[in-house]
C-alpha atoms as a PDB file:
ATOM      1  CA  MET A   1      12.561  56.717  18.108  1.00  0.00           C
ATOM      2  CA  ALA A   2      10.143  57.620  15.325  1.00  0.00           C
ATOM      3  CA  ALA A   3       9.825  55.260  12.379  1.00  0.00           C
ATOM      4  CA  PRO A   4      11.491  56.328   9.113  1.00  0.00           C
ATOM      5  CA  LEU A   5       9.378  58.138   6.544  1.00  0.00           C
ATOM      6  CA  ILE A   6       9.256  57.550   2.801  1.00  0.00           C
ATOM      7  CA  LEU A   7       8.926  60.478   0.403  1.00  0.00           C
ATOM      8  CA  THR A   8       8.115  59.756  -3.242  1.00  0.00           C
ATOM      9  CA  LEU A   9       7.607  62.379  -5.911  1.00  0.00           C
ATOM     10  CA  ALA A  10       7.318  62.946  -9.638  1.00  0.00           C
ATOM     11  CA  CYS A  11       7.358  66.176 -11.609  1.00  0.00           C
ATOM     12  CA  ALA A  12       8.690  67.825 -14.724  1.00  0.00           C
ATOM     13  CA  ASP A  13      12.479  67.682 -14.730  1.00  0.00           C
ATOM     14  CA  ARG A  14      14.380  70.903 -14.062  1.00  0.00           C
ATOM     15  CA  PRO A  15      17.618  71.881 -12.298  1.00  0.00           C
ATOM     16  CA  GLY A  16      17.697  72.026  -8.522  1.00  0.00           C
ATOM     17  CA  ILE A  17      15.036  69.489  -7.531  1.00  0.00           C
ATOM     18  CA  THR A  18      17.399  67.115  -5.733  1.00  0.00           C
ATOM     19  CA  ALA A  19      19.125  69.989  -3.959  1.00  0.00           C
ATOM     20  CA  ARG A  20      15.849  71.539  -2.822  1.00  0.00           C
ATOM     21  CA  VAL A  21      14.432  68.238  -1.529  1.00  0.00           C
ATOM     22  CA  THR A  22      17.571  67.188   0.329  1.00  0.00           C
ATOM     23  CA  GLY A  23      18.012  70.738   1.593  1.00  0.00           C
ATOM     24  CA  PHE A  24      14.452  70.726   2.936  1.00  0.00           C
ATOM     25  CA  LEU A  25      15.177  67.555   4.897  1.00  0.00           C
ATOM     26  CA  PHE A  26      18.547  68.839   6.146  1.00  0.00           C
ATOM     27  CA  GLU A  27      17.013  72.066   7.420  1.00  0.00           C
ATOM     28  CA  ARG A  28      14.612  70.044   9.562  1.00  0.00           C
ATOM     29  CA  GLY A  29      17.264  67.768  11.020  1.00  0.00           C
ATOM     30  CA  ALA A  30      16.247  64.713   9.040  1.00  0.00           C
ATOM     31  CA  ASN A  31      18.828  62.044   8.251  1.00  0.00           C
ATOM     32  CA  ILE A  32      18.558  60.509   4.783  1.00  0.00           C
ATOM     33  CA  LEU A  33      18.840  56.710   4.941  1.00  0.00           C
ATOM     34  CA  ASP A  34      18.312  55.924   1.268  1.00  0.00           C
ATOM     35  CA  ALA A  35      17.757  58.025  -1.834  1.00  0.00           C
ATOM     36  CA  GLN A  36      17.104  57.087  -5.461  1.00  0.00           C
ATOM     37  CA  GLN A  37      16.189  59.206  -8.464  1.00  0.00           C
ATOM     38  CA  PHE A  38      15.488  58.798 -12.156  1.00  0.00           C
ATOM     39  CA  ASN A  39      15.361  61.339 -14.967  1.00  0.00           C
ATOM     40  CA  ASP A  40      13.192  60.086 -17.824  1.00  0.00           C
ATOM     41  CA  ARG A  41      14.338  61.836 -20.989  1.00  0.00           C
ATOM     42  CA  SER A  42      12.577  59.511 -23.423  1.00  0.00           C
ATOM     43  CA  ASP A  43       9.814  61.985 -24.338  1.00  0.00           C
ATOM     44  CA  ASN A  44      10.653  63.526 -27.708  1.00  0.00           C
ATOM     45  CA  ALA A  45       8.340  66.429 -26.934  1.00  0.00           C
ATOM     46  CA  GLY A  46      10.793  67.598 -24.300  1.00  0.00           C
ATOM     47  CA  SER A  47       8.517  67.041 -21.295  1.00  0.00           C
ATOM     48  CA  ASP A  48      11.145  65.123 -19.336  1.00  0.00           C
ATOM     49  CA  ARG A  49      10.036  63.671 -15.989  1.00  0.00           C
ATOM     50  CA  TYR A  50      11.879  63.438 -12.698  1.00  0.00           C
ATOM     51  CA  PHE A  51      11.195  60.721 -10.112  1.00  0.00           C
ATOM     52  CA  MET A  52      12.578  60.402  -6.583  1.00  0.00           C
ATOM     53  CA  ARG A  53      12.240  58.138  -3.535  1.00  0.00           C
ATOM     54  CA  VAL A  54      13.815  59.131  -0.236  1.00  0.00           C
ATOM     55  CA  VAL A  55      13.767  57.233   3.061  1.00  0.00           C
ATOM     56  CA  PHE A  56      14.712  59.362   6.034  1.00  0.00           C
ATOM     57  CA  ASP A  57      14.754  59.540   9.820  1.00  0.00           C
ATOM     58  CA  PRO A  58      12.537  62.512  10.748  1.00  0.00           C
ATOM     59  CA  ASP A  59      14.476  63.204  13.975  1.00  0.00           C
ATOM     60  CA  GLY A  60      11.420  63.953  16.087  1.00  0.00           C
ATOM     61  CA  SER A  61       9.415  65.819  13.464  1.00  0.00           C
ATOM     62  CA  THR A  62       5.923  64.499  12.865  1.00  0.00           C
ATOM     63  CA  ALA A  63       4.827  63.232   9.487  1.00  0.00           C
ATOM     64  CA  GLU A  64       1.906  65.633   9.574  1.00  0.00           C
ATOM     65  CA  GLY A  65       4.152  68.633  10.205  1.00  0.00           C
ATOM     66  CA  LEU A  66       6.635  67.648   7.515  1.00  0.00           C
ATOM     67  CA  ARG A  67       3.860  67.085   4.996  1.00  0.00           C
ATOM     68  CA  ALA A  68       2.413  70.511   5.725  1.00  0.00           C
ATOM     69  CA  ASP A  69       5.829  72.147   5.296  1.00  0.00           C
ATOM     70  CA  PHE A  70       6.691  70.192   2.157  1.00  0.00           C
ATOM     71  CA  ALA A  71       3.442  71.125   0.407  1.00  0.00           C
ATOM     72  CA  ALA A  72       4.760  74.579  -0.513  1.00  0.00           C
ATOM     73  CA  LEU A  73       7.894  73.152  -2.113  1.00  0.00           C
ATOM     74  CA  ALA A  74       5.837  70.527  -3.924  1.00  0.00           C
ATOM     75  CA  ASP A  75       3.521  73.181  -5.328  1.00  0.00           C
ATOM     76  CA  GLN A  76       6.485  75.193  -6.568  1.00  0.00           C
ATOM     77  CA  PHE A  77       7.702  72.261  -8.667  1.00  0.00           C
ATOM     78  CA  GLY A  78       4.264  70.852  -9.568  1.00  0.00           C
ATOM     79  CA  MET A  79       5.015  67.575  -7.822  1.00  0.00           C
ATOM     80  CA  VAL A  80       2.806  64.533  -7.472  1.00  0.00           C
ATOM     81  CA  TRP A  81       4.033  63.314  -4.113  1.00  0.00           C
ATOM     82  CA  LYS A  82       3.438  61.217  -1.038  1.00  0.00           C
ATOM     83  CA  MET A  83       5.043  61.046   2.418  1.00  0.00           C
ATOM     84  CA  VAL A  84       4.203  57.998   4.560  1.00  0.00           C
ATOM     85  CA  ARG A  85       5.528  56.003   7.493  1.00  0.00           C
ATOM     86  CA  ALA A  86       7.783  53.166   6.373  1.00  0.00           C
ATOM     87  CA  ASP A  87       6.445  50.774   9.020  1.00  0.00           C
ATOM     88  CA  ARG A  88       2.742  51.199   8.264  1.00  0.00           C
ATOM     89  CA  PRO A  89       1.144  48.020   6.851  1.00  0.00           C
ATOM     90  CA  ARG A  90      -0.997  48.715   3.798  1.00  0.00           C
ATOM     91  CA  ARG A  91      -4.616  47.680   4.229  1.00  0.00           C
ATOM     92  CA  THR A  92      -5.208  45.046   1.543  1.00  0.00           C
ATOM     93  CA  ILE A  93      -8.112  43.159  -0.025  1.00  0.00           C
ATOM     94  CA  ILE A  94      -7.069  39.859  -1.631  1.00  0.00           C
ATOM     95  CA  MET A  95      -9.334  38.422  -4.329  1.00  0.00           C
ATOM     96  CA  VAL A  96      -9.251  34.787  -5.440  1.00  0.00           C
ATOM     97  CA  SER A  97     -11.283  32.327  -7.497  1.00  0.00           C
ATOM     98  CA  LYS A  98     -10.463  28.594  -7.454  1.00  0.00           C
ATOM     99  CA  PHE A  99      -6.655  28.707  -7.539  1.00  0.00           C
ATOM    100  CA  ASP A 100      -5.353  29.673  -4.102  1.00  0.00           C
ATOM    101  CA  HIS A 101      -1.575  29.230  -4.503  1.00  0.00           C
ATOM    102  CA  CYS A 102      -0.955  32.987  -4.739  1.00  0.00           C
ATOM    103  CA  LEU A 103      -3.263  33.653  -1.771  1.00  0.00           C
ATOM    104  CA  VAL A 104      -1.446  31.028   0.330  1.00  0.00           C
ATOM    105  CA  ASP A 105       1.913  32.565  -0.535  1.00  0.00           C
ATOM    106  CA  LEU A 106       0.801  36.129   0.293  1.00  0.00           C
ATOM    107  CA  LEU A 107      -0.627  35.046   3.646  1.00  0.00           C
ATOM    108  CA  TYR A 108       2.564  33.154   4.516  1.00  0.00           C
ATOM    109  CA  ARG A 109       4.747  36.145   3.698  1.00  0.00           C
ATOM    110  CA  TRP A 110       2.407  38.405   5.703  1.00  0.00           C
ATOM    111  CA  ARG A 111       2.416  36.095   8.730  1.00  0.00           C
ATOM    112  CA  THR A 112       6.201  35.834   8.721  1.00  0.00           C
ATOM    113  CA  GLY A 113       6.592  39.605   8.503  1.00  0.00           C
ATOM    114  CA  GLU A 114       8.013  39.572   4.988  1.00  0.00           C
ATOM    115  CA  LEU A 115       5.155  41.597   3.484  1.00  0.00           C
ATOM    116  CA  ALA A 116       3.967  44.798   5.152  1.00  0.00           C
ATOM    117  CA  ILE A 117       0.301  44.273   4.390  1.00  0.00           C
ATOM    118  CA  ALA A 118      -2.739  44.140   6.651  1.00  0.00           C
ATOM    119  CA  PRO A 119      -5.304  41.818   5.024  1.00  0.00           C
ATOM    120  CA  VAL A 120      -8.707  43.351   5.733  1.00  0.00           C
ATOM    121  CA  ALA A 121     -10.763  40.976   3.559  1.00  0.00           C
ATOM    122  CA  ILE A 122     -10.570  37.993   1.252  1.00  0.00           C
ATOM    123  CA  VAL A 123     -13.086  38.127  -1.593  1.00  0.00           C
ATOM    124  CA  SER A 124     -14.083  35.354  -3.981  1.00  0.00           C
ATOM    125  CA  ASN A 125     -16.671  34.806  -6.664  1.00  0.00           C
ATOM    126  CA  HIS A 126     -16.962  31.239  -5.326  1.00  0.00           C
ATOM    127  CA  PRO A 127     -18.038  29.958  -1.888  1.00  0.00           C
ATOM    128  CA  ARG A 128     -15.263  29.651   0.664  1.00  0.00           C
ATOM    129  CA  GLU A 129     -15.060  25.844   0.504  1.00  0.00           C
ATOM    130  CA  ALA A 130     -14.511  26.019  -3.268  1.00  0.00           C
ATOM    131  CA  ALA A 131     -12.049  28.912  -3.270  1.00  0.00           C
ATOM    132  CA  ILE A 132      -9.761  28.366  -0.287  1.00  0.00           C
ATOM    133  CA  ARG A 133      -8.033  25.300   1.122  1.00  0.00           C
ATOM    134  CA  VAL A 134      -5.989  27.100   3.754  1.00  0.00           C
ATOM    135  CA  ASP A 135      -6.693  28.536   7.194  1.00  0.00           C
ATOM    136  CA  ILE A 136      -7.269  32.269   6.819  1.00  0.00           C
ATOM    137  CA  GLY A 137      -7.617  32.855  10.560  1.00  0.00           C
ATOM    138  CA  GLU A 138      -9.654  35.897  11.495  1.00  0.00           C
ATOM    139  CA  ILE A 139      -9.516  37.559   8.090  1.00  0.00           C
ATOM    140  CA  PRO A 140     -13.118  38.199   6.977  1.00  0.00           C
ATOM    141  CA  PHE A 141     -14.192  36.200   3.913  1.00  0.00           C
ATOM    142  CA  HIS A 142     -16.714  37.663   1.467  1.00  0.00           C
ATOM    143  CA  HIS A 143     -18.462  35.619  -1.203  1.00  0.00           C
ATOM    144  CA  ILE A 144     -19.506  37.983  -4.005  1.00  0.00           C
ATOM    145  CA  PRO A 145     -20.955  35.917  -6.871  1.00  0.00           C
ATOM    146  CA  VAL A 146     -20.562  37.334 -10.360  1.00  0.00           C
ATOM    147  CA  THR A 147     -22.822  36.627 -13.333  1.00  0.00           C
ATOM    148  CA  PRO A 148     -23.456  38.783 -16.410  1.00  0.00           C
ATOM    149  CA  GLU A 149     -26.703  39.923 -14.798  1.00  0.00           C
ATOM    150  CA  THR A 150     -25.285  40.598 -11.322  1.00  0.00           C
ATOM    151  CA  LYS A 151     -21.885  42.006 -12.317  1.00  0.00           C
ATOM    152  CA  PRO A 152     -22.753  45.700 -11.773  1.00  0.00           C
ATOM    153  CA  ALA A 153     -24.133  44.947  -8.292  1.00  0.00           C
ATOM    154  CA  ALA A 154     -21.151  42.696  -7.480  1.00  0.00           C
ATOM    155  CA  GLU A 155     -18.687  45.403  -8.461  1.00  0.00           C
ATOM    156  CA  ALA A 156     -20.599  47.934  -6.387  1.00  0.00           C
ATOM    157  CA  SER A 157     -20.345  45.577  -3.416  1.00  0.00           C
ATOM    158  CA  LEU A 158     -16.566  45.410  -3.826  1.00  0.00           C
ATOM    159  CA  ARG A 159     -16.272  49.196  -3.997  1.00  0.00           C
ATOM    160  CA  ALA A 160     -18.390  49.490  -0.846  1.00  0.00           C
ATOM    161  CA  LEU A 161     -16.220  46.905   0.918  1.00  0.00           C
ATOM    162  CA  ALA A 162     -13.040  48.754  -0.068  1.00  0.00           C
ATOM    163  CA  GLU A 163     -14.472  51.986   1.312  1.00  0.00           C
ATOM    164  CA  GLU A 164     -15.691  50.314   4.498  1.00  0.00           C
ATOM    165  CA  THR A 165     -12.294  48.721   5.186  1.00  0.00           C
ATOM    166  CA  ASP A 166     -10.216  51.723   4.032  1.00  0.00           C
ATOM    167  CA  ALA A 167      -8.383  49.395   1.657  1.00  0.00           C
ATOM    168  CA  GLU A 168      -5.302  50.902   0.047  1.00  0.00           C
ATOM    169  CA  LEU A 169      -4.558  47.932  -2.210  1.00  0.00           C
ATOM    170  CA  VAL A 170      -6.583  45.282  -4.033  1.00  0.00           C
ATOM    171  CA  VAL A 171      -4.686  42.167  -5.135  1.00  0.00           C
ATOM    172  CA  LEU A 172      -6.156  39.873  -7.769  1.00  0.00           C
ATOM    173  CA  ALA A 173      -4.491  36.629  -6.671  1.00  0.00           C
ATOM    174  CA  ARG A 174      -5.710  34.585  -9.646  1.00  0.00           C
ATOM    175  CA  TYR A 175      -9.158  36.157  -9.511  1.00  0.00           C
ATOM    176  CA  MET A 176     -10.753  34.997 -12.740  1.00  0.00           C
ATOM    177  CA  GLN A 177     -13.216  37.805 -13.378  1.00  0.00           C
ATOM    178  CA  VAL A 178     -12.611  40.786 -15.648  1.00  0.00           C
ATOM    179  CA  PHE A 179     -13.187  44.221 -14.138  1.00  0.00           C
ATOM    180  CA  SER A 180     -15.448  46.597 -16.027  1.00  0.00           C
ATOM    181  CA  ASP A 181     -14.008  49.893 -17.248  1.00  0.00           C
ATOM    182  CA  GLU A 182     -15.750  51.643 -14.362  1.00  0.00           C
ATOM    183  CA  GLN A 183     -14.256  49.262 -11.811  1.00  0.00           C
ATOM    184  CA  SER A 184     -10.786  49.524 -13.343  1.00  0.00           C
ATOM    185  CA  ALA A 185     -10.964  53.321 -13.199  1.00  0.00           C
ATOM    186  CA  HIS A 186     -12.178  53.270  -9.597  1.00  0.00           C
ATOM    187  CA  PHE A 187      -9.185  51.201  -8.438  1.00  0.00           C
ATOM    188  CA  ALA A 188      -6.637  52.789 -10.784  1.00  0.00           C
ATOM    189  CA  GLY A 189      -3.127  52.657  -9.375  1.00  0.00           C
ATOM    190  CA  ARG A 190      -4.078  50.439  -6.432  1.00  0.00           C
ATOM    191  CA  CYS A 191      -5.163  47.143  -7.971  1.00  0.00           C
ATOM    192  CA  ILE A 192      -2.532  44.552  -8.949  1.00  0.00           C
ATOM    193  CA  ASN A 193      -3.196  41.501 -11.130  1.00  0.00           C
ATOM    194  CA  ILE A 194      -1.053  38.463 -11.944  1.00  0.00           C
ATOM    195  CA  HIS A 195      -1.107  37.165 -15.509  1.00  0.00           C
ATOM    196  CA  HIS A 196       0.654  34.256 -17.184  1.00  0.00           C
ATOM    197  CA  SER A 197       2.797  35.529 -20.037  1.00  0.00           C
ATOM    198  CA  PHE A 198       4.455  33.487 -22.740  1.00  0.00           C
ATOM    199  CA  LEU A 199       6.164  33.941 -26.063  1.00  0.00           C
ATOM    200  CA  PRO A 200       3.927  33.703 -27.987  1.00  0.00           C
ATOM    201  CA  GLY A 201       1.067  34.874 -25.771  1.00  0.00           C
ATOM    202  CA  PHE A 202      -1.718  32.435 -24.977  1.00  0.00           C
ATOM    203  CA  LYS A 203      -5.077  33.760 -23.898  1.00  0.00           C
ATOM    204  CA  GLY A 204      -8.164  31.967 -22.701  1.00  0.00           C
ATOM    205  CA  ALA A 205      -8.502  28.620 -20.969  1.00  0.00           C
ATOM    206  CA  ARG A 206      -5.669  26.177 -20.199  1.00  0.00           C
ATOM    207  CA  PRO A 207      -2.790  28.488 -21.227  1.00  0.00           C
ATOM    208  CA  TYR A 208      -0.121  26.064 -20.020  1.00  0.00           C
ATOM    209  CA  HIS A 209      -1.600  23.309 -22.176  1.00  0.00           C
ATOM    210  CA  GLN A 210      -1.613  25.689 -25.130  1.00  0.00           C
ATOM    211  CA  ALA A 211       2.023  26.490 -24.437  1.00  0.00           C
ATOM    212  CA  HIS A 212       2.929  22.794 -24.283  1.00  0.00           C
ATOM    213  CA  ALA A 213       1.197  22.145 -27.583  1.00  0.00           C
ATOM    214  CA  ARG A 214       3.276  24.901 -29.207  1.00  0.00           C
ATOM    215  CA  GLY A 215       6.535  23.642 -27.713  1.00  0.00           C
ATOM    216  CA  VAL A 216       7.439  26.821 -25.849  1.00  0.00           C
ATOM    217  CA  LYS A 217      10.932  27.162 -24.376  1.00  0.00           C
ATOM    218  CA  ILE A 218      10.122  29.874 -21.822  1.00  0.00           C
ATOM    219  CA  ILE A 219       7.106  30.430 -19.594  1.00  0.00           C
ATOM    220  CA  GLY A 220       6.586  33.408 -17.342  1.00  0.00           C
ATOM    221  CA  ALA A 221       4.267  35.672 -15.425  1.00  0.00           C
ATOM    222  CA  THR A 222       3.601  39.396 -15.253  1.00  0.00           C
ATOM    223  CA  ALA A 223       2.243  41.437 -12.346  1.00  0.00           C
ATOM    224  CA  HIS A 224       0.663  44.687 -13.490  1.00  0.00           C
ATOM    225  CA  PHE A 225      -1.803  47.363 -12.518  1.00  0.00           C
ATOM    226  CA  VAL A 226      -5.363  46.743 -13.639  1.00  0.00           C
ATOM    227  CA  THR A 227      -6.633  49.064 -16.376  1.00  0.00           C
ATOM    228  CA  ALA A 228      -9.519  49.052 -18.838  1.00  0.00           C
ATOM    229  CA  ASP A 229      -7.164  47.433 -21.366  1.00  0.00           C
ATOM    230  CA  LEU A 230      -7.300  43.767 -20.365  1.00  0.00           C
ATOM    231  CA  ASP A 231      -3.921  42.477 -19.140  1.00  0.00           C
ATOM    232  CA  GLU A 232      -2.143  45.508 -20.595  1.00  0.00           C
ATOM    233  CA  GLY A 233      -1.767  47.715 -17.522  1.00  0.00           C
ATOM    234  CA  PRO A 234       1.569  49.218 -16.404  1.00  0.00           C
ATOM    235  CA  ILE A 235       3.967  46.389 -15.560  1.00  0.00           C
ATOM    236  CA  ILE A 236       5.387  46.100 -12.050  1.00  0.00           C
ATOM    237  CA  HIS A 237       7.338  42.828 -12.104  1.00  0.00           C
ATOM    238  CA  GLN A 238       8.016  39.871 -14.414  1.00  0.00           C
ATOM    239  CA  ASP A 239       9.902  36.587 -14.291  1.00  0.00           C
ATOM    240  CA  VAL A 240      10.452  33.574 -16.538  1.00  0.00           C
ATOM    241  CA  GLU A 241      11.599  29.963 -16.413  1.00  0.00           C
ATOM    242  CA  ARG A 242      13.041  27.818 -19.176  1.00  0.00           C
ATOM    243  CA  ILE A 243      11.114  24.790 -20.414  1.00  0.00           C
ATOM    244  CA  THR A 244      12.320  21.695 -22.292  1.00  0.00           C
ATOM    245  CA  HIS A 245      10.706  19.093 -24.511  1.00  0.00           C
ATOM    246  CA  ALA A 246      10.599  16.742 -21.511  1.00  0.00           C
ATOM    247  CA  ASP A 247       8.163  18.936 -19.558  1.00  0.00           C
ATOM    248  CA  SER A 248       4.550  17.752 -19.561  1.00  0.00           C
ATOM    249  CA  PRO A 249       1.535  20.086 -19.360  1.00  0.00           C
ATOM    250  CA  GLN A 250       1.366  19.238 -15.659  1.00  0.00           C
ATOM    251  CA  ASP A 251       5.024  20.288 -15.264  1.00  0.00           C
ATOM    252  CA  LEU A 252       4.221  23.608 -16.907  1.00  0.00           C
ATOM    253  CA  VAL A 253       1.251  24.144 -14.576  1.00  0.00           C
ATOM    254  CA  ARG A 254       3.437  23.390 -11.544  1.00  0.00           C
ATOM    255  CA  LYS A 255       6.268  25.637 -12.671  1.00  0.00           C
ATOM    256  CA  GLY A 256       3.814  28.316 -13.755  1.00  0.00           C
ATOM    257  CA  ARG A 257       2.219  28.448 -10.329  1.00  0.00           C
ATOM    258  CA  ASP A 258       5.627  28.927  -8.727  1.00  0.00           C
ATOM    259  CA  ILE A 259       6.410  31.817 -11.056  1.00  0.00           C
ATOM    260  CA  GLU A 260       2.998  33.419 -10.511  1.00  0.00           C
ATOM    261  CA  ARG A 261       3.205  33.384  -6.728  1.00  0.00           C
ATOM    262  CA  ARG A 262       6.722  34.822  -6.536  1.00  0.00           C
ATOM    263  CA  VAL A 263       6.061  37.477  -9.194  1.00  0.00           C
ATOM    264  CA  LEU A 264       2.874  38.618  -7.456  1.00  0.00           C
ATOM    265  CA  ALA A 265       4.529  38.666  -4.029  1.00  0.00           C
ATOM    266  CA  GLU A 266       7.385  40.792  -5.337  1.00  0.00           C
ATOM    267  CA  ALA A 267       4.977  43.219  -6.999  1.00  0.00           C
ATOM    268  CA  VAL A 268       3.053  43.595  -3.742  1.00  0.00           C
ATOM    269  CA  ARG A 269       6.312  44.168  -1.840  1.00  0.00           C
ATOM    270  CA  LEU A 270       7.394  46.860  -4.270  1.00  0.00           C
ATOM    271  CA  PHE A 271       4.003  48.557  -3.969  1.00  0.00           C
ATOM    272  CA  VAL A 272       3.757  48.564  -0.177  1.00  0.00           C
ATOM    273  CA  GLU A 273       7.341  49.806   0.146  1.00  0.00           C
ATOM    274  CA  GLU A 274       6.454  52.767  -2.092  1.00  0.00           C
ATOM    275  CA  ARG A 275       8.922  51.660  -4.769  1.00  0.00           C
ATOM    276  CA  VAL A 276       6.472  51.905  -7.689  1.00  0.00           C
ATOM    277  CA  LEU A 277       5.877  55.274  -9.347  1.00  0.00           C
ATOM    278  CA  MET A 278       3.549  55.666 -12.315  1.00  0.00           C
ATOM    279  CA  ASN A 279       5.044  57.027 -15.530  1.00  0.00           C
ATOM    280  CA  GLY A 280       2.209  57.118 -18.024  1.00  0.00           C
ATOM    281  CA  ASN A 281       1.719  53.585 -19.343  1.00  0.00           C
ATOM    282  CA  ARG A 282       4.941  52.489 -17.663  1.00  0.00           C
ATOM    283  CA  THR A 283       6.303  52.343 -14.140  1.00  0.00           C
ATOM    284  CA  VAL A 284       9.467  53.503 -12.449  1.00  0.00           C
ATOM    285  CA  ILE A 285      10.637  50.828  -9.978  1.00  0.00           C
ATOM    286  CA  PHE A 286      13.135  51.846  -7.292  1.00  0.00           C
ATOM    287  CA  ARG A 287      14.446  48.449  -6.221  1.00  0.00           C
ATOM    288  CA  GLY A 288      16.081  47.733  -2.912  1.00  0.00           C
END
C-alpha cells in the first residue's frame, strides 16, 4: 500500500477552494485521512489568505502523476503548494557550538523514530571534541571555523555542503554564530533557530544570569525561522516555565536547557510533518 501524501497550499481566499481540492482528490479515488484549513481575514486591505493541509491515501496513484494533474488547479487559484510523501524523512543539517543538549535531544528523537529527519551532517564552528560529548555514529561531522575574516568563506562552505547533501532543513541547535543577510536569504524558510526568550528580553552573554538578577518569574524559549532580522523571524513554537525567588542562576540554566530542547524538537516535528505554512512575517501551524 502506498504511503499517504501531504498536500499543503496557500492562496488568496475565494469561494470554492475547499470543494475544488477535495473534489480533485475524490475524482482520483483518494481517501482523505486528515484535513485542516484556515482563512486569514486580518488584512485590512482585503487580500485575505487561505491555507490548507490535507493528508490522503492516494489509492495507487503516484505522487508524480497527482502533482502533474494538480498543477492546473493550482495555477487557476494562484496557489503556493507542495505535495510530498508523509513517510519521507527530511534531509537535515544540524549546527551546534559548545552547548549540545539540543543536538543530543534531536538525535535521540531521530533514533527512536519520533522525528522524521535524516541527519546528513553535523556542523560546528568548534572542533568535534569541544562541540559534542555524545556518539553521533556515522553522521559526518564538519568543522567550519568562523572568524570575522573567514566568515564569507565559512558561509560559502555551508551552502556548498547543503547543496552536496541535498539538505532540506538546517537546524541551529544552539549554534552561536549570526548568519549574514546573504546566508539568511539563501536558507529562507528552511533554517530553524532556537532562542531563549524572557519578559523582559535579555540579549547577549549569560541571559539566564541576567534574568536571575532581574528576578524574572517566567523563562522561555522560541523556535523561529532565521531571517536577516536577528532573532525576529517567523515564530514556529514557544514554551515557558515559571520561576521563583528560590531558583539560582544554575537552576535557570538547567530549566532553560529543558525548555530549549523541547521547543526546538517540536518546531522540527512541525516542519518535517508539513504543518508550518508561511504567512508573511507569521506562520500558520496546523497542529496534530
